[in-house]
Amino acid sequence: MSGNNPEGRTVEVLELPENVDEELLSLYFENRRRSGGGPLESVEIKQNRAVLCFEDAEAAARVLSKRHHVVHNSELSVRKPPSKDQSRLLLRGVSPYTSTEMIELYVENMMDLNVTDYALIPSPEKDFILIHLSQPLSKGRMGVFFTSVQKTFRDDAYK
């Protein structure tokens, strides 16, 4: 295994067909002739997407440069995963019935922040909100915050 940065070795696969399993996906992306890939360090499948970490960044770059990837007669979309910016948090699945003021109060209380320490940027449909922090948040605090937020503001909490 190469000791290079995991971010440079990671690829996100979107639009997975329902019946694809981890073994088939691994075999496809480890096959250099078909996918451009190479040996995988890990595969994580969640719903209709997967995150692949290759042993070498060159394999990930080859996969990203290949235009078409087809598994089970379905075209897959591959991309670099979104960057992990510790000063920006994206809350998805927020109920449209939750007011921005409620989320502001919650953020201030849970993260011990002042109104000048962050900005909330809701989507037009109000189903997700970007929290832009003035200072990065530690991974531990971020995990605790997200767990709490998911229990409080998820869309199905209002049904």
N, C-alpha and C. Protein backbone atom coordinates (compact mmCIF):
# COMPACT_ATOMS: atom_id res chain seq x y z
N MET A 1 0.84 -1.19 0.00
CA MET A 1 0.00 0.00 0.00
C MET A 1 0.87 1.23 0.00
N SER A 2 0.50 2.19 -0.77
CA SER A 2 1.20 3.46 -0.83
C SER A 2 0.80 4.30 0.37
N GLY A 3 1.73 5.09 0.90
CA GLY A 3 1.44 5.89 2.07
C GLY A 3 0.84 7.24 1.74
N ASN A 4 0.28 7.41 0.55
CA ASN A 4 -0.24 8.72 0.17
C ASN A 4 -1.58 9.02 0.83
N ASN A 5 -1.97 10.26 0.75
CA ASN A 5 -3.16 10.81 1.39
C ASN A 5 -4.44 10.07 0.96
N PRO A 6 -5.28 9.65 1.92
CA PRO A 6 -6.53 8.95 1.56
C PRO A 6 -7.44 9.78 0.66
N GLU A 7 -7.43 11.11 0.79
CA GLU A 7 -8.30 11.93 -0.05
C GLU A 7 -7.95 11.77 -1.52
N GLY A 8 -6.68 11.64 -1.85
CA GLY A 8 -6.26 11.47 -3.23
C GLY A 8 -6.52 10.07 -3.75
N ARG A 9 -6.82 9.14 -2.86
CA ARG A 9 -7.06 7.74 -3.24
C ARG A 9 -8.53 7.37 -3.21
N THR A 10 -9.39 8.32 -2.90
CA THR A 10 -10.81 8.03 -2.69
C THR A 10 -11.67 8.52 -3.85
N VAL A 11 -12.64 7.69 -4.23
CA VAL A 11 -13.57 7.98 -5.32
C VAL A 11 -14.98 7.70 -4.80
N GLU A 12 -15.92 8.57 -5.16
CA GLU A 12 -17.32 8.36 -4.82
C GLU A 12 -18.05 7.88 -6.07
N VAL A 13 -18.81 6.81 -5.94
CA VAL A 13 -19.58 6.24 -7.05
C VAL A 13 -21.05 6.50 -6.78
N LEU A 14 -21.72 7.13 -7.74
CA LEU A 14 -23.13 7.48 -7.60
C LEU A 14 -23.96 6.66 -8.58
N GLU A 15 -25.26 6.62 -8.35
CA GLU A 15 -26.22 5.96 -9.23
C GLU A 15 -25.99 4.45 -9.32
N LEU A 16 -25.67 3.83 -8.17
CA LEU A 16 -25.51 2.37 -8.14
C LEU A 16 -26.86 1.70 -8.36
N PRO A 17 -26.91 0.65 -9.16
CA PRO A 17 -28.16 -0.09 -9.27
C PRO A 17 -28.46 -0.81 -7.95
N GLU A 18 -29.73 -1.05 -7.68
CA GLU A 18 -30.15 -1.65 -6.40
C GLU A 18 -29.52 -3.01 -6.14
N ASN A 19 -29.36 -3.81 -7.16
CA ASN A 19 -28.92 -5.19 -6.96
C ASN A 19 -27.41 -5.39 -7.03
N VAL A 20 -26.63 -4.33 -7.05
CA VAL A 20 -25.18 -4.49 -7.11
C VAL A 20 -24.66 -4.81 -5.71
N ASP A 21 -23.75 -5.78 -5.63
CA ASP A 21 -23.19 -6.10 -4.32
C ASP A 21 -21.73 -5.65 -4.25
N GLU A 22 -21.19 -5.66 -3.04
CA GLU A 22 -19.85 -5.16 -2.80
C GLU A 22 -18.79 -5.94 -3.59
N GLU A 23 -18.97 -7.25 -3.69
CA GLU A 23 -17.98 -8.08 -4.39
C GLU A 23 -17.90 -7.71 -5.87
N LEU A 24 -19.05 -7.57 -6.53
CA LEU A 24 -19.07 -7.20 -7.95
C LEU A 24 -18.45 -5.82 -8.15
N LEU A 25 -18.81 -4.88 -7.30
CA LEU A 25 -18.27 -3.53 -7.40
C LEU A 25 -16.75 -3.54 -7.21
N SER A 26 -16.28 -4.29 -6.23
CA SER A 26 -14.84 -4.41 -5.99
C SER A 26 -14.13 -5.01 -7.19
N LEU A 27 -14.68 -6.10 -7.72
CA LEU A 27 -14.05 -6.75 -8.88
C LEU A 27 -13.97 -5.80 -10.08
N TYR A 28 -15.04 -5.04 -10.30
CA TYR A 28 -15.05 -4.10 -11.42
C TYR A 28 -13.97 -3.02 -11.24
N PHE A 29 -13.94 -2.39 -10.06
CA PHE A 29 -13.01 -1.28 -9.87
C PHE A 29 -11.57 -1.73 -9.61
N GLU A 30 -11.35 -2.98 -9.31
CA GLU A 30 -9.99 -3.50 -9.20
C GLU A 30 -9.45 -3.94 -10.56
N ASN A 31 -10.33 -4.07 -11.56
CA ASN A 31 -9.94 -4.50 -12.90
C ASN A 31 -9.45 -3.28 -13.69
N ARG A 32 -8.14 -3.20 -13.87
CA ARG A 32 -7.57 -2.03 -14.53
C ARG A 32 -8.04 -1.90 -15.98
N ARG A 33 -8.21 -3.01 -16.66
CA ARG A 33 -8.62 -2.97 -18.06
C ARG A 33 -10.04 -2.40 -18.21
N ARG A 34 -10.95 -2.77 -17.33
CA ARG A 34 -12.34 -2.31 -17.46
C ARG A 34 -12.58 -0.93 -16.85
N SER A 35 -12.06 -0.69 -15.66
CA SER A 35 -12.38 0.55 -14.95
C SER A 35 -11.23 1.54 -14.90
N GLY A 36 -10.01 1.04 -15.15
CA GLY A 36 -8.83 1.89 -14.97
C GLY A 36 -8.30 1.82 -13.56
N GLY A 37 -9.01 1.13 -12.68
CA GLY A 37 -8.66 1.09 -11.26
C GLY A 37 -7.51 0.18 -10.91
N GLY A 38 -7.53 -0.30 -9.70
CA GLY A 38 -6.49 -1.17 -9.17
C GLY A 38 -6.92 -1.67 -7.81
N PRO A 39 -5.97 -2.22 -7.04
CA PRO A 39 -6.32 -2.78 -5.73
C PRO A 39 -7.01 -1.76 -4.82
N LEU A 40 -8.06 -2.23 -4.15
CA LEU A 40 -8.83 -1.38 -3.24
C LEU A 40 -8.43 -1.63 -1.80
N GLU A 41 -8.41 -0.57 -1.03
CA GLU A 41 -8.18 -0.68 0.41
C GLU A 41 -9.51 -0.88 1.13
N SER A 42 -10.57 -0.19 0.65
CA SER A 42 -11.88 -0.34 1.28
C SER A 42 -13.00 0.03 0.31
N VAL A 43 -14.18 -0.53 0.59
CA VAL A 43 -15.41 -0.24 -0.17
C VAL A 43 -16.52 -0.04 0.86
N GLU A 44 -17.22 1.06 0.75
CA GLU A 44 -18.34 1.33 1.67
C GLU A 44 -19.56 1.69 0.83
N ILE A 45 -20.59 0.84 0.88
CA ILE A 45 -21.81 1.07 0.11
C ILE A 45 -22.90 1.56 1.05
N LYS A 46 -23.55 2.67 0.66
CA LYS A 46 -24.70 3.20 1.39
C LYS A 46 -25.75 3.57 0.36
N GLN A 47 -26.88 2.89 0.42
CA GLN A 47 -28.01 3.10 -0.49
C GLN A 47 -27.53 3.01 -1.94
N ASN A 48 -27.65 4.07 -2.72
CA ASN A 48 -27.28 4.00 -4.14
C ASN A 48 -25.94 4.68 -4.44
N ARG A 49 -25.04 4.70 -3.44
CA ARG A 49 -23.71 5.27 -3.65
C ARG A 49 -22.68 4.43 -2.91
N ALA A 50 -21.43 4.60 -3.32
CA ALA A 50 -20.34 3.88 -2.67
C ALA A 50 -19.13 4.80 -2.59
N VAL A 51 -18.32 4.56 -1.58
CA VAL A 51 -17.05 5.26 -1.43
C VAL A 51 -15.96 4.21 -1.51
N LEU A 52 -15.06 4.39 -2.48
CA LEU A 52 -13.97 3.45 -2.71
C LEU A 52 -12.65 4.12 -2.35
N CYS A 53 -11.81 3.41 -1.62
CA CYS A 53 -10.47 3.92 -1.33
C CYS A 53 -9.48 2.95 -1.96
N PHE A 54 -8.73 3.44 -2.93
CA PHE A 54 -7.74 2.64 -3.62
C PHE A 54 -6.43 2.63 -2.85
N GLU A 55 -5.61 1.63 -3.09
CA GLU A 55 -4.30 1.57 -2.45
C GLU A 55 -3.38 2.67 -2.99
N ASP A 56 -3.57 3.05 -4.25
CA ASP A 56 -2.72 4.07 -4.87
C ASP A 56 -3.56 5.18 -5.49
N ALA A 57 -3.08 6.41 -5.37
CA ALA A 57 -3.77 7.57 -5.94
C ALA A 57 -3.85 7.48 -7.46
N GLU A 58 -2.87 6.85 -8.09
CA GLU A 58 -2.88 6.74 -9.55
C GLU A 58 -4.10 5.95 -10.03
N ALA A 59 -4.47 4.90 -9.31
CA ALA A 59 -5.64 4.11 -9.68
C ALA A 59 -6.91 4.96 -9.58
N ALA A 60 -7.03 5.73 -8.52
CA ALA A 60 -8.20 6.61 -8.36
C ALA A 60 -8.25 7.63 -9.49
N ALA A 61 -7.11 8.19 -9.85
CA ALA A 61 -7.05 9.18 -10.93
C ALA A 61 -7.47 8.56 -12.27
N ARG A 62 -7.04 7.32 -12.52
CA ARG A 62 -7.44 6.64 -13.77
C ARG A 62 -8.95 6.41 -13.81
N VAL A 63 -9.52 5.99 -12.69
CA VAL A 63 -10.98 5.77 -12.62
C VAL A 63 -11.72 7.07 -12.89
N LEU A 64 -11.26 8.16 -12.29
CA LEU A 64 -11.92 9.45 -12.48
C LEU A 64 -11.78 9.96 -13.91
N SER A 65 -10.69 9.60 -14.59
CA SER A 65 -10.48 10.09 -15.95
C SER A 65 -11.25 9.29 -17.00
N LYS A 66 -11.67 8.09 -16.65
CA LYS A 66 -12.44 7.25 -17.59
C LYS A 66 -13.87 7.79 -17.68
N ARG A 67 -14.36 7.96 -18.89
CA ARG A 67 -15.67 8.58 -19.08
C ARG A 67 -16.85 7.70 -18.69
N HIS A 68 -16.82 6.43 -19.04
CA HIS A 68 -17.98 5.57 -18.81
C HIS A 68 -17.63 4.38 -17.94
N HIS A 69 -18.45 4.16 -16.92
CA HIS A 69 -18.35 2.98 -16.06
C HIS A 69 -19.73 2.34 -16.06
N VAL A 70 -19.80 1.06 -16.43
CA VAL A 70 -21.08 0.36 -16.52
C VAL A 70 -21.01 -0.93 -15.71
N VAL A 71 -21.98 -1.10 -14.79
CA VAL A 71 -22.12 -2.32 -14.00
C VAL A 71 -23.60 -2.70 -14.04
N HIS A 72 -23.90 -3.98 -14.29
CA HIS A 72 -25.29 -4.45 -14.40
C HIS A 72 -26.09 -3.62 -15.40
N ASN A 73 -25.48 -3.30 -16.54
CA ASN A 73 -26.12 -2.51 -17.59
C ASN A 73 -26.56 -1.13 -17.13
N SER A 74 -25.99 -0.64 -16.04
CA SER A 74 -26.29 0.70 -15.53
C SER A 74 -25.03 1.54 -15.54
N GLU A 75 -25.15 2.75 -16.09
CA GLU A 75 -24.00 3.64 -16.11
C GLU A 75 -23.83 4.27 -14.73
N LEU A 76 -22.61 4.21 -14.23
CA LEU A 76 -22.29 4.78 -12.92
C LEU A 76 -21.66 6.15 -13.11
N SER A 77 -21.86 6.99 -12.17
CA SER A 77 -21.22 8.29 -12.15
C SER A 77 -20.14 8.26 -11.07
N VAL A 78 -18.92 8.67 -11.42
CA VAL A 78 -17.83 8.70 -10.44
C VAL A 78 -17.33 10.13 -10.29
N ARG A 79 -16.92 10.46 -9.09
CA ARG A 79 -16.40 11.80 -8.82
C ARG A 79 -15.50 11.74 -7.59
N LYS A 80 -14.76 12.82 -7.39
CA LYS A 80 -14.01 12.96 -6.15
C LYS A 80 -15.04 13.22 -5.06
N PRO A 81 -14.84 12.66 -3.88
CA PRO A 81 -15.80 12.96 -2.80
C PRO A 81 -15.69 14.43 -2.39
N PRO A 82 -16.78 14.98 -1.86
CA PRO A 82 -16.73 16.36 -1.39
C PRO A 82 -15.65 16.53 -0.33
N SER A 83 -15.02 17.70 -0.32
CA SER A 83 -13.96 17.94 0.66
C SER A 83 -14.55 18.03 2.06
N LYS A 84 -13.75 17.72 3.02
CA LYS A 84 -14.17 17.73 4.42
C LYS A 84 -13.70 19.03 5.07
N ASP A 85 -14.40 20.10 4.79
CA ASP A 85 -14.08 21.40 5.35
C ASP A 85 -14.67 21.48 6.75
N GLN A 86 -13.82 21.55 7.76
CA GLN A 86 -14.26 21.54 9.16
C GLN A 86 -14.96 22.83 9.58
N SER A 87 -15.01 23.82 8.69
CA SER A 87 -15.70 25.06 9.05
C SER A 87 -17.05 25.18 8.34
N ARG A 88 -17.43 24.14 7.61
CA ARG A 88 -18.73 24.14 6.93
C ARG A 88 -19.43 22.83 7.21
N LEU A 89 -20.65 22.92 7.68
CA LEU A 89 -21.46 21.75 7.99
C LEU A 89 -22.73 21.82 7.17
N LEU A 90 -23.11 20.71 6.56
CA LEU A 90 -24.34 20.66 5.77
C LEU A 90 -25.35 19.78 6.47
N LEU A 91 -26.46 20.36 6.86
CA LEU A 91 -27.55 19.61 7.49
C LEU A 91 -28.56 19.26 6.40
N ARG A 92 -28.75 17.96 6.16
CA ARG A 92 -29.70 17.49 5.15
C ARG A 92 -30.92 16.90 5.84
N GLY A 93 -32.02 16.87 5.12
CA GLY A 93 -33.23 16.25 5.65
C GLY A 93 -33.90 17.07 6.73
N VAL A 94 -33.63 18.36 6.76
CA VAL A 94 -34.25 19.24 7.75
C VAL A 94 -35.72 19.42 7.36
N SER A 95 -36.59 19.34 8.34
CA SER A 95 -38.01 19.54 8.07
C SER A 95 -38.25 20.97 7.60
N PRO A 96 -39.05 21.15 6.55
CA PRO A 96 -39.36 22.51 6.11
C PRO A 96 -40.18 23.29 7.14
N TYR A 97 -40.70 22.58 8.15
CA TYR A 97 -41.48 23.23 9.20
C TYR A 97 -40.60 23.79 10.31
N THR A 98 -39.31 23.49 10.29
CA THR A 98 -38.39 24.00 11.31
C THR A 98 -37.96 25.40 10.93
N SER A 99 -38.17 26.35 11.82
CA SER A 99 -37.80 27.73 11.52
C SER A 99 -36.29 27.93 11.60
N THR A 100 -35.80 28.88 10.83
CA THR A 100 -34.38 29.22 10.86
C THR A 100 -33.98 29.70 12.25
N GLU A 101 -34.87 30.43 12.90
CA GLU A 101 -34.58 30.93 14.25
C GLU A 101 -34.38 29.77 15.23
N MET A 102 -35.17 28.73 15.10
CA MET A 102 -35.03 27.55 15.97
C MET A 102 -33.66 26.91 15.77
N ILE A 103 -33.24 26.79 14.51
CA ILE A 103 -31.93 26.20 14.23
C ILE A 103 -30.82 27.10 14.74
N GLU A 104 -30.97 28.42 14.59
CA GLU A 104 -29.97 29.36 15.13
C GLU A 104 -29.80 29.17 16.64
N LEU A 105 -30.91 29.13 17.36
CA LEU A 105 -30.84 28.96 18.81
C LEU A 105 -30.19 27.63 19.17
N TYR A 106 -30.54 26.60 18.44
CA TYR A 106 -29.98 25.28 18.70
C TYR A 106 -28.47 25.26 18.47
N VAL A 107 -28.04 25.83 17.34
CA VAL A 107 -26.61 25.89 17.02
C VAL A 107 -25.86 26.66 18.10
N GLU A 108 -26.39 27.79 18.49
CA GLU A 108 -25.73 28.61 19.51
C GLU A 108 -25.61 27.86 20.84
N ASN A 109 -26.68 27.18 21.24
CA ASN A 109 -26.65 26.45 22.52
C ASN A 109 -25.77 25.20 22.46
N MET A 110 -25.92 24.40 21.42
CA MET A 110 -25.19 23.13 21.34
C MET A 110 -23.70 23.32 21.08
N MET A 111 -23.35 24.37 20.35
CA MET A 111 -21.95 24.57 19.98
C MET A 111 -21.30 25.69 20.78
N ASP A 112 -22.07 26.28 21.69
CA ASP A 112 -21.57 27.38 22.51
C ASP A 112 -20.98 28.49 21.63
N LEU A 113 -21.80 28.97 20.69
CA LEU A 113 -21.36 30.00 19.75
C LEU A 113 -22.18 31.27 19.92
N ASN A 114 -21.60 32.37 19.50
CA ASN A 114 -22.32 33.64 19.40
C ASN A 114 -22.82 33.79 17.97
N VAL A 115 -23.76 34.67 17.76
CA VAL A 115 -24.34 34.87 16.43
C VAL A 115 -23.27 35.30 15.42
N THR A 116 -22.18 35.92 15.86
CA THR A 116 -21.11 36.35 14.96
C THR A 116 -20.13 35.22 14.62
N ASP A 117 -20.27 34.06 15.28
CA ASP A 117 -19.34 32.94 15.06
C ASP A 117 -19.75 32.03 13.90
N TYR A 118 -20.90 32.25 13.30
CA TYR A 118 -21.39 31.36 12.25
C TYR A 118 -22.41 32.09 11.39
N ALA A 119 -22.72 31.48 10.25
CA ALA A 119 -23.81 31.96 9.38
C ALA A 119 -24.61 30.75 8.93
N LEU A 120 -25.93 30.87 8.91
CA LEU A 120 -26.80 29.82 8.39
C LEU A 120 -27.24 30.20 6.99
N ILE A 121 -27.12 29.25 6.07
CA ILE A 121 -27.53 29.50 4.69
C ILE A 121 -28.50 28.38 4.29
N PRO A 122 -29.82 28.63 4.39
CA PRO A 122 -30.80 27.59 4.03
C PRO A 122 -30.95 27.47 2.52
N SER A 123 -31.30 26.27 2.06
CA SER A 123 -31.60 26.06 0.64
C SER A 123 -32.96 26.69 0.36
N PRO A 124 -33.27 26.97 -0.91
CA PRO A 124 -34.58 27.55 -1.23
C PRO A 124 -35.75 26.68 -0.76
N GLU A 125 -35.58 25.36 -0.81
CA GLU A 125 -36.65 24.45 -0.37
C GLU A 125 -36.62 24.22 1.14
N LYS A 126 -35.60 24.73 1.81
CA LYS A 126 -35.40 24.60 3.26
C LYS A 126 -35.26 23.15 3.71
N ASP A 127 -34.80 22.26 2.81
CA ASP A 127 -34.59 20.87 3.21
C ASP A 127 -33.14 20.60 3.61
N PHE A 128 -32.26 21.56 3.36
CA PHE A 128 -30.92 21.48 3.92
C PHE A 128 -30.42 22.88 4.23
N ILE A 129 -29.48 22.94 5.17
CA ILE A 129 -28.94 24.21 5.64
C ILE A 129 -27.43 24.08 5.75
N LEU A 130 -26.72 25.06 5.21
CA LEU A 130 -25.27 25.13 5.35
C LEU A 130 -24.96 26.00 6.56
N ILE A 131 -24.16 25.44 7.47
CA ILE A 131 -23.69 26.22 8.63
C ILE A 131 -22.23 26.56 8.34
N HIS A 132 -21.94 27.83 8.19
CA HIS A 132 -20.57 28.28 7.91
C HIS A 132 -20.00 28.87 9.20
N LEU A 133 -19.01 28.17 9.76
CA LEU A 133 -18.40 28.59 11.03
C LEU A 133 -17.21 29.50 10.78
N SER A 134 -16.98 30.45 11.67
CA SER A 134 -15.81 31.32 11.54
C SER A 134 -14.53 30.58 11.92
N GLN A 135 -14.64 29.54 12.75
CA GLN A 135 -13.49 28.71 13.16
C GLN A 135 -13.84 27.24 12.91
N PRO A 136 -12.87 26.44 12.45
CA PRO A 136 -13.15 25.01 12.23
C PRO A 136 -13.54 24.31 13.52
N LEU A 137 -14.36 23.29 13.38
CA LEU A 137 -14.84 22.49 14.50
C LEU A 137 -14.05 21.19 14.55
N SER A 138 -13.68 20.74 15.74
CA SER A 138 -12.97 19.46 15.85
C SER A 138 -13.89 18.33 15.41
N LYS A 139 -13.31 17.22 14.93
CA LYS A 139 -14.12 16.09 14.46
C LYS A 139 -14.99 15.53 15.58
N GLY A 140 -14.47 15.49 16.80
CA GLY A 140 -15.25 14.98 17.93
C GLY A 140 -16.47 15.83 18.20
N ARG A 141 -16.29 17.13 18.26
CA ARG A 141 -17.43 18.04 18.50
C ARG A 141 -18.41 18.00 17.34
N MET A 142 -17.88 17.85 16.12
CA MET A 142 -18.76 17.79 14.96
C MET A 142 -19.65 16.55 15.03
N GLY A 143 -19.08 15.42 15.40
CA GLY A 143 -19.85 14.18 15.51
C GLY A 143 -20.95 14.28 16.54
N VAL A 144 -20.64 14.83 17.70
CA VAL A 144 -21.64 15.01 18.76
C VAL A 144 -22.75 15.94 18.29
N PHE A 145 -22.38 17.03 17.63
CA PHE A 145 -23.36 17.98 17.15
C PHE A 145 -24.28 17.34 16.12
N PHE A 146 -23.72 16.61 15.15
CA PHE A 146 -24.55 16.00 14.11
C PHE A 146 -25.49 14.95 14.67
N THR A 147 -25.04 14.16 15.62
CA THR A 147 -25.91 13.15 16.22
C THR A 147 -27.11 13.82 16.88
N SER A 148 -26.85 14.89 17.60
CA SER A 148 -27.92 15.62 18.27
C SER A 148 -28.87 16.27 17.27
N VAL A 149 -28.32 16.89 16.23
CA VAL A 149 -29.15 17.56 15.23
C VAL A 149 -30.04 16.57 14.49
N GLN A 150 -29.49 15.41 14.15
CA GLN A 150 -30.28 14.42 13.42
C GLN A 150 -31.48 13.97 14.23
N LYS A 151 -31.34 13.87 15.53
CA LYS A 151 -32.46 13.46 16.38
C LYS A 151 -33.50 14.57 16.50
N THR A 152 -33.07 15.81 16.42
CA THR A 152 -33.95 16.94 16.67
C THR A 152 -34.67 17.46 15.43
N PHE A 153 -33.96 17.61 14.31
CA PHE A 153 -34.51 18.32 13.15
C PHE A 153 -34.82 17.45 11.95
N ARG A 154 -34.74 16.14 12.07
CA ARG A 154 -35.00 15.30 10.90
C ARG A 154 -36.45 15.46 10.45
N ASP A 155 -36.66 15.28 9.17
CA ASP A 155 -37.97 15.50 8.56
C ASP A 155 -39.05 14.59 9.14
N ASP A 156 -38.72 13.32 9.44
CA ASP A 156 -39.76 12.40 9.93
C ASP A 156 -40.16 12.66 11.38
N ALA A 157 -39.48 13.57 12.07
CA ALA A 157 -39.85 13.91 13.44
C ALA A 157 -41.18 14.67 13.47
N TYR A 158 -41.60 15.20 12.32
CA TYR A 158 -42.82 15.99 12.26
C TYR A 158 -43.99 15.24 11.64
N LYS A 159 -43.83 13.95 11.39
CA LYS A 159 -44.91 13.18 10.75
C LYS A 159 -45.70 12.41 11.75
